[in-house]
N, C-alpha and C. Protein backbone atom coordinates (compact mmCIF):
# COMPACT_ATOMS: atom_id res chain seq x y z
N GLY A 1 -29.81 -2.03 -5.45
CA GLY A 1 -29.06 -2.90 -6.50
C GLY A 1 -27.84 -2.20 -6.86
N ASN A 2 -27.87 -1.74 -7.99
CA ASN A 2 -26.58 -1.36 -8.58
C ASN A 2 -25.99 -0.10 -8.11
N ASN A 3 -26.87 0.94 -7.65
CA ASN A 3 -26.20 2.01 -6.98
C ASN A 3 -25.46 1.61 -5.83
N GLN A 4 -26.02 0.77 -4.91
CA GLN A 4 -25.37 0.22 -3.65
C GLN A 4 -24.05 -0.29 -4.06
N GLN A 5 -23.71 -0.79 -5.08
CA GLN A 5 -22.48 -1.49 -5.36
C GLN A 5 -21.44 -0.66 -5.86
N SER A 6 -21.94 0.62 -6.37
CA SER A 6 -21.07 1.58 -6.84
C SER A 6 -20.78 2.52 -5.63
N LYS A 7 -21.57 2.76 -4.90
CA LYS A 7 -21.13 3.55 -3.59
C LYS A 7 -20.24 2.86 -2.75
N ALA A 8 -20.13 1.44 -2.94
CA ALA A 8 -19.41 0.54 -1.85
C ALA A 8 -18.03 0.73 -2.34
N LEU A 9 -17.57 1.11 -3.69
CA LEU A 9 -16.39 1.38 -4.17
C LEU A 9 -15.71 2.53 -3.71
N VAL A 10 -14.49 2.05 -3.04
CA VAL A 10 -13.69 3.36 -2.51
C VAL A 10 -13.15 3.95 -3.50
N THR A 11 -12.59 5.33 -3.58
CA THR A 11 -12.13 5.97 -4.48
C THR A 11 -10.65 6.08 -4.18
N LEU A 12 -9.75 6.39 -5.30
CA LEU A 12 -8.39 6.58 -5.27
C LEU A 12 -8.43 8.15 -5.75
N PRO A 13 -7.38 8.91 -5.29
CA PRO A 13 -7.26 10.28 -5.83
C PRO A 13 -7.11 10.13 -7.25
N GLU A 14 -6.31 9.19 -7.70
CA GLU A 14 -5.85 9.09 -9.11
C GLU A 14 -6.83 8.71 -10.00
N LYS A 15 -7.69 7.66 -9.62
CA LYS A 15 -8.72 7.21 -10.59
C LYS A 15 -10.15 7.00 -9.71
N LYS A 16 -10.94 7.25 -10.10
CA LYS A 16 -12.16 7.18 -9.38
C LYS A 16 -13.16 6.15 -9.95
N CYS A 17 -13.74 5.20 -9.45
CA CYS A 17 -14.57 4.21 -9.78
C CYS A 17 -15.84 4.93 -10.08
N LYS A 18 -16.18 4.96 -11.42
CA LYS A 18 -17.68 5.35 -11.77
C LYS A 18 -18.74 4.44 -11.84
N ASN A 19 -18.34 3.24 -12.17
CA ASN A 19 -19.30 2.16 -12.27
C ASN A 19 -18.64 0.79 -12.15
N LEU A 20 -19.29 -0.18 -11.83
CA LEU A 20 -18.93 -1.60 -11.70
C LEU A 20 -18.13 -2.20 -12.96
N GLY A 21 -18.58 -1.52 -14.08
CA GLY A 21 -17.86 -2.07 -15.41
C GLY A 21 -16.42 -1.63 -15.30
N ASP A 22 -16.14 -0.33 -15.03
CA ASP A 22 -14.83 0.26 -14.88
C ASP A 22 -13.94 -0.65 -13.80
N PHE A 23 -14.67 -1.05 -12.69
CA PHE A 23 -13.99 -1.85 -11.81
C PHE A 23 -13.81 -3.06 -12.35
N ASN A 24 -14.60 -3.75 -13.12
CA ASN A 24 -14.40 -5.21 -13.63
C ASN A 24 -13.30 -5.26 -14.64
N LEU A 25 -12.96 -3.99 -15.49
CA LEU A 25 -12.01 -3.84 -16.39
C LEU A 25 -10.54 -3.50 -15.85
N GLY A 26 -10.72 -3.55 -14.36
CA GLY A 26 -9.33 -2.94 -13.97
C GLY A 26 -8.96 -1.60 -14.08
N LYS A 27 -9.92 -0.75 -14.45
CA LYS A 27 -9.69 0.78 -14.71
C LYS A 27 -9.79 1.59 -13.64
N CYS A 28 -10.14 1.01 -12.49
CA CYS A 28 -10.04 1.98 -11.23
C CYS A 28 -9.79 0.68 -10.19
N SER A 29 -9.70 1.34 -8.73
CA SER A 29 -9.50 0.36 -7.65
C SER A 29 -10.60 0.43 -6.55
N PRO A 30 -10.91 -0.65 -5.83
CA PRO A 30 -11.96 -0.57 -5.14
C PRO A 30 -11.41 -0.39 -3.51
N CYS A 31 -9.78 -0.18 -3.61
CA CYS A 31 -9.21 -0.17 -2.39
C CYS A 31 -8.54 1.23 -2.25
N PRO A 32 -8.44 1.54 -0.82
CA PRO A 32 -7.90 2.97 -0.45
C PRO A 32 -6.35 2.70 -1.05
N GLU A 33 -5.70 3.90 -1.11
CA GLU A 33 -4.26 3.90 -1.52
C GLU A 33 -3.63 3.23 -0.58
N GLY A 34 -2.52 2.67 -0.88
CA GLY A 34 -1.57 1.67 0.27
C GLY A 34 -2.29 0.17 0.35
N SER A 35 -3.22 -0.20 -0.49
CA SER A 35 -3.73 -1.25 -0.26
C SER A 35 -3.99 -1.91 -1.63
N ILE A 36 -3.98 -3.27 -1.62
CA ILE A 36 -4.14 -3.83 -3.27
C ILE A 36 -5.36 -4.63 -3.00
N PHE A 37 -6.02 -4.93 -4.17
CA PHE A 37 -7.20 -5.79 -4.33
C PHE A 37 -6.69 -7.26 -4.54
N GLN A 38 -6.75 -8.17 -3.58
CA GLN A 38 -6.25 -9.52 -3.58
C GLN A 38 -7.25 -10.45 -3.09
N ALA A 39 -7.52 -11.53 -3.90
CA ALA A 39 -8.46 -12.80 -3.55
C ALA A 39 -9.96 -12.15 -3.00
N GLY A 40 -10.42 -11.01 -3.68
CA GLY A 40 -11.58 -10.35 -3.27
C GLY A 40 -11.80 -9.45 -2.20
N LYS A 41 -10.50 -9.07 -1.70
CA LYS A 41 -10.59 -7.95 -0.60
C LYS A 41 -9.30 -7.00 -0.65
N CYS A 42 -9.39 -6.06 -0.04
CA CYS A 42 -8.16 -5.19 0.17
C CYS A 42 -7.14 -5.57 1.07
N ARG A 43 -6.02 -5.67 0.82
CA ARG A 43 -5.04 -6.01 1.76
C ARG A 43 -3.98 -5.02 1.81
N TRP A 44 -3.66 -4.41 2.86
CA TRP A 44 -2.60 -3.31 2.98
C TRP A 44 -1.37 -3.78 2.79
N CYS A 45 -0.30 -2.85 2.49
CA CYS A 45 1.08 -3.13 2.29
C CYS A 45 1.76 -3.43 3.46
N ASP A 46 2.75 -4.20 3.68
CA ASP A 46 3.30 -4.34 5.16
C ASP A 46 4.28 -3.13 5.29
N ASN A 47 4.80 -3.12 6.33
CA ASN A 47 5.63 -1.99 6.83
C ASN A 47 6.99 -1.84 6.02
N ASN A 48 7.38 -3.04 5.45
CA ASN A 48 8.64 -3.29 4.80
C ASN A 48 8.29 -3.10 3.21
N GLN A 49 7.31 -2.40 2.90
CA GLN A 49 6.87 -2.41 1.42
C GLN A 49 6.57 -1.07 1.05
N PHE A 50 6.55 -0.84 -0.41
CA PHE A 50 5.87 0.36 -0.82
C PHE A 50 4.91 0.02 -1.82
N TYR A 51 4.12 0.55 -2.09
CA TYR A 51 2.49 0.71 -3.20
C TYR A 51 3.03 0.85 -4.53
N LYS A 52 3.07 0.07 -5.46
CA LYS A 52 3.17 0.62 -6.67
C LYS A 52 1.90 0.43 -7.62
N ILE A 53 1.37 1.42 -8.03
CA ILE A 53 0.21 1.49 -8.81
C ILE A 53 0.60 1.18 -10.27
N ASP A 54 -0.35 0.50 -10.99
CA ASP A 54 -0.38 0.16 -12.15
C ASP A 54 -1.63 0.88 -12.95
N TYR A 55 -1.46 2.07 -13.51
CA TYR A 55 -2.37 2.84 -13.95
C TYR A 55 -3.33 2.25 -15.22
N LYS A 56 -2.57 1.48 -15.84
CA LYS A 56 -3.49 0.53 -16.97
C LYS A 56 -4.36 -0.27 -16.47
N ASN A 57 -3.98 -1.10 -15.50
CA ASN A 57 -4.93 -1.87 -14.81
C ASN A 57 -4.56 -2.17 -13.35
N TYR A 58 -5.57 -1.69 -12.56
CA TYR A 58 -5.35 -1.26 -11.09
C TYR A 58 -5.22 -2.74 -10.40
N PHE A 59 -5.85 -3.83 -11.09
CA PHE A 59 -5.38 -5.24 -10.65
C PHE A 59 -3.91 -5.66 -10.57
N GLU A 60 -3.33 -5.00 -11.33
CA GLU A 60 -1.87 -5.29 -11.48
C GLU A 60 -1.02 -4.47 -10.41
N SER A 61 -1.87 -3.69 -9.65
CA SER A 61 -1.03 -2.84 -8.78
C SER A 61 -0.38 -3.67 -7.58
N GLU A 62 0.62 -3.35 -7.05
CA GLU A 62 1.13 -4.46 -6.05
C GLU A 62 1.70 -3.83 -4.91
N CYS A 63 2.27 -4.54 -3.97
CA CYS A 63 3.27 -4.23 -2.87
C CYS A 63 4.49 -4.74 -2.82
N ARG A 64 5.37 -4.01 -3.10
CA ARG A 64 6.84 -4.38 -3.20
C ARG A 64 7.61 -4.13 -2.14
N ASN A 65 8.64 -5.21 -2.06
CA ASN A 65 9.34 -5.01 -0.56
C ASN A 65 10.43 -3.79 -0.88
N CYS A 66 10.83 -3.09 0.38
CA CYS A 66 11.78 -2.07 0.33
C CYS A 66 12.95 -2.71 0.35
N PRO A 67 14.01 -2.04 -0.28
CA PRO A 67 15.48 -2.62 -0.13
C PRO A 67 15.98 -2.81 1.18
N TYR A 68 16.72 -3.72 1.60
CA TYR A 68 17.24 -4.04 2.87
C TYR A 68 17.83 -2.68 3.52
N GLY A 69 17.21 -2.55 4.84
CA GLY A 69 17.92 -1.43 5.34
C GLY A 69 16.84 0.02 5.48
N LEU A 70 15.83 -0.30 4.59
CA LEU A 70 14.67 0.98 4.43
C LEU A 70 13.22 0.35 4.74
N ALA A 71 12.71 1.13 5.22
CA ALA A 71 11.34 0.86 5.63
C ALA A 71 10.19 1.72 4.82
N GLY A 72 9.13 1.26 4.49
CA GLY A 72 7.82 1.84 3.81
C GLY A 72 7.56 3.38 4.42
N SER A 73 7.21 3.95 3.74
CA SER A 73 6.63 5.44 4.43
C SER A 73 5.75 5.82 3.58
N ASN A 74 4.51 6.06 4.03
CA ASN A 74 3.41 6.73 2.99
C ASN A 74 3.08 5.95 2.01
N PHE A 75 3.27 4.57 2.01
CA PHE A 75 2.96 3.88 0.88
C PHE A 75 3.47 3.81 -0.18
N ARG A 76 4.28 5.06 -0.69
CA ARG A 76 4.88 5.44 -1.87
C ARG A 76 6.48 5.18 -1.93
N LYS A 77 7.06 5.10 -0.89
CA LYS A 77 8.39 5.17 -0.82
C LYS A 77 9.25 4.53 0.32
N CYS A 78 10.12 4.02 0.11
CA CYS A 78 10.97 3.42 1.16
C CYS A 78 12.15 4.50 1.55
N VAL A 79 12.28 4.40 2.91
CA VAL A 79 13.31 5.53 3.49
C VAL A 79 13.88 5.03 4.62
N PRO A 80 15.13 5.54 4.97
CA PRO A 80 15.81 5.20 6.28
C PRO A 80 14.95 5.27 7.62
N CYS A 81 15.51 4.58 8.33
CA CYS A 81 14.76 4.80 9.63
C CYS A 81 15.25 6.16 10.44
N PRO A 82 14.44 6.86 11.07
CA PRO A 82 14.64 8.17 11.49
C PRO A 82 15.88 8.12 12.61
N ALA A 83 16.29 9.34 12.93
CA ALA A 83 17.46 9.33 13.72
C ALA A 83 17.03 8.83 15.34
N GLY A 84 17.79 8.02 15.75
CA GLY A 84 17.53 7.46 16.94
C GLY A 84 16.91 6.01 16.88
N PHE A 85 16.61 5.67 15.52
CA PHE A 85 16.06 4.35 15.14
C PHE A 85 17.13 3.45 14.44
N ILE A 86 17.04 2.17 14.58
CA ILE A 86 17.72 1.30 13.66
C ILE A 86 16.93 0.25 12.95
N TYR A 87 17.30 0.06 11.60
CA TYR A 87 16.68 -1.15 11.00
C TYR A 87 16.70 -2.36 11.73
N ASP A 88 15.67 -2.94 11.75
CA ASP A 88 15.45 -4.24 12.62
C ASP A 88 14.34 -5.10 11.86
N TYR A 89 14.77 -5.99 11.05
CA TYR A 89 13.57 -6.74 10.25
C TYR A 89 12.73 -7.52 11.11
N SER A 90 13.14 -7.74 12.38
CA SER A 90 12.33 -8.72 13.38
C SER A 90 11.30 -7.64 13.78
N TYR A 91 11.31 -6.50 13.71
CA TYR A 91 10.54 -5.62 14.55
C TYR A 91 9.19 -5.10 13.47
N PRO A 92 8.00 -5.12 14.19
CA PRO A 92 6.89 -4.90 13.29
C PRO A 92 6.86 -3.58 12.44
N THR A 93 7.40 -2.59 12.68
CA THR A 93 7.55 -1.29 11.66
C THR A 93 9.00 -1.58 11.13
N TYR A 94 9.74 -2.43 11.20
CA TYR A 94 11.21 -2.61 10.91
C TYR A 94 12.10 -1.37 11.07
N CYS A 95 11.74 -0.62 11.98
CA CYS A 95 12.44 0.41 12.81
C CYS A 95 12.21 0.52 14.20
N ARG A 96 13.29 0.10 14.92
CA ARG A 96 13.07 0.14 16.30
C ARG A 96 14.06 1.26 17.00
N GLN A 97 13.39 1.76 18.23
CA GLN A 97 14.45 2.73 18.77
C GLN A 97 15.92 1.97 19.21
N CYS A 98 17.11 2.83 19.15
CA CYS A 98 18.30 2.30 19.22
C CYS A 98 18.50 2.07 20.89
N LEU A 99 19.22 1.21 21.23
CA LEU A 99 19.38 0.90 22.56
C LEU A 99 20.93 1.84 23.30
N ASP A 100 20.88 1.77 24.27
CA ASP A 100 22.09 2.71 24.68
C ASP A 100 23.42 2.62 24.23
N ASN A 101 23.50 1.13 24.08
CA ASN A 101 24.80 0.73 23.72
C ASN A 101 24.94 0.52 22.10
N GLU A 102 23.94 1.06 21.24
CA GLU A 102 23.96 1.01 19.59
C GLU A 102 24.14 2.59 19.16
N ILE A 103 24.16 3.30 20.21
CA ILE A 103 24.14 5.00 19.93
C ILE A 103 25.68 5.32 19.36
């Protein structure tokens, strides 16, 4: 019964769900860091986004788009592409390896 539901709640380092009541009030998150709870399930932020936690109400946490030219890194920040890579919004990771004529 109730114990099973509590164990199913994945914990975040910032705020651990102790019970379903805390979860229902938005005081903790059922999702791993880097994903948001949306439409009843966890959704990972895209590669061009960063994860913004709302500590007052975890349901208000959101994935925000990185500024143009930057890609998401470790869910928390947006960074330039590494050396030898170029920003390309059409590429799945938003950073692709430079071609010979682009170096």
